[in-house]
Amino acid sequence: MNRTYKATEQYTIYINYIVKPDYTKLLGTQGIYFVNPKGENKNEPVQIWTQGEPESNSGWLPTIDKPNQKQLKK
């Protein structure tokens, strides 16, 4: 961003995001699942779904997974 935007101004944000589900599966924190991602199996839908629960979201989303950890106020 090269300038300050106003609260009433519309803009688009693009996010370049990479997830490595096979790696996170090894860690036991997968949280995100891909079914037939390339559409190679015509008998299965192309699907992505999440099951973060309280302690698996960090496998696919940058977050803290401890539900009892509180954020400190500054």
Protein backbone atom coordinates (compact mmCIF):
# COMPACT_ATOMS: atom_id res chain seq x y z
CA MET A 1 0.00 0.00 0.00
CA ASN A 2 1.42 3.28 -1.02
CA ARG A 3 -1.15 5.57 0.59
CA THR A 4 -3.69 5.84 3.39
CA TYR A 5 -7.21 4.69 2.55
CA LYS A 6 -10.42 6.24 3.86
CA ALA A 7 -12.93 4.16 5.82
CA THR A 8 -15.60 4.71 3.14
CA GLU A 9 -13.30 3.84 0.23
CA GLN A 10 -13.59 0.42 -1.43
CA TYR A 11 -10.47 -1.52 -2.28
CA THR A 12 -9.43 -5.10 -3.00
CA ILE A 13 -6.90 -7.10 -1.03
CA TYR A 14 -5.08 -10.01 -2.65
CA ILE A 15 -3.52 -12.68 -0.45
CA ASN A 16 -0.89 -15.10 -1.72
CA TYR A 17 -1.30 -18.11 0.56
CA ILE A 18 0.32 -21.55 0.59
CA VAL A 19 -0.77 -24.46 2.75
CA LYS A 20 1.13 -27.75 3.08
CA PRO A 21 -1.45 -30.28 4.28
CA ASP A 22 0.87 -33.29 4.01
CA TYR A 23 3.43 -31.58 6.26
CA THR A 24 0.87 -30.48 8.82
CA LYS A 25 -0.59 -34.00 8.83
CA LEU A 26 2.80 -35.26 10.04
CA LEU A 27 2.68 -32.72 12.87
CA GLY A 28 -0.83 -33.83 13.81
CA THR A 29 -2.30 -30.36 13.20
CA GLN A 30 -3.77 -30.66 9.74
CA GLY A 31 -7.05 -28.78 10.22
CA ILE A 32 -7.59 -28.36 6.46
CA TYR A 33 -8.54 -31.13 4.07
CA PHE A 34 -8.53 -31.39 0.29
CA VAL A 35 -10.69 -33.91 -1.56
CA ASN A 36 -9.80 -34.49 -5.22
CA PRO A 37 -8.12 -31.05 -5.52
CA LYS A 38 -7.08 -31.50 -9.15
CA GLY A 39 -10.40 -33.02 -10.26
CA GLU A 40 -8.68 -36.19 -11.44
CA ASN A 41 -11.27 -38.55 -9.92
CA LYS A 42 -14.57 -37.91 -11.71
CA ASN A 43 -16.48 -39.82 -8.99
CA GLU A 44 -15.46 -37.39 -6.22
CA PRO A 45 -16.25 -33.69 -5.84
CA VAL A 46 -13.48 -31.10 -5.81
CA GLN A 47 -13.64 -29.98 -2.22
CA ILE A 48 -11.81 -28.20 0.56
CA TRP A 49 -13.00 -28.16 4.15
CA THR A 50 -11.67 -27.30 7.56
CA GLN A 51 -12.02 -28.85 10.96
CA GLY A 52 -9.98 -26.55 13.12
CA GLU A 53 -11.51 -27.26 16.49
CA PRO A 54 -9.57 -25.34 19.15
CA GLU A 55 -6.18 -26.90 18.48
CA SER A 56 -5.72 -27.57 14.76
CA ASN A 57 -6.27 -24.20 13.12
CA SER A 58 -2.59 -23.26 13.15
CA GLY A 59 -1.99 -26.05 10.62
CA TRP A 60 -3.57 -23.87 7.94
CA LEU A 61 -4.27 -20.43 9.45
CA PRO A 62 -1.69 -18.26 11.23
CA THR A 63 -3.22 -18.24 14.70
CA ILE A 64 -2.67 -19.30 18.30
CA ASP A 65 -4.33 -22.66 18.96
CA LYS A 66 -4.61 -22.50 22.71
CA PRO A 67 -8.20 -21.56 23.65
CA ASN A 68 -7.19 -20.61 27.20
CA GLN A 69 -4.36 -18.27 26.09
CA LYS A 70 -5.46 -14.65 26.37
CA GLN A 71 -4.14 -11.74 24.38
CA LEU A 72 -2.47 -9.05 26.43
CA LYS A 73 -3.86 -5.54 26.14
CA LYS A 74 -1.36 -2.80 25.48
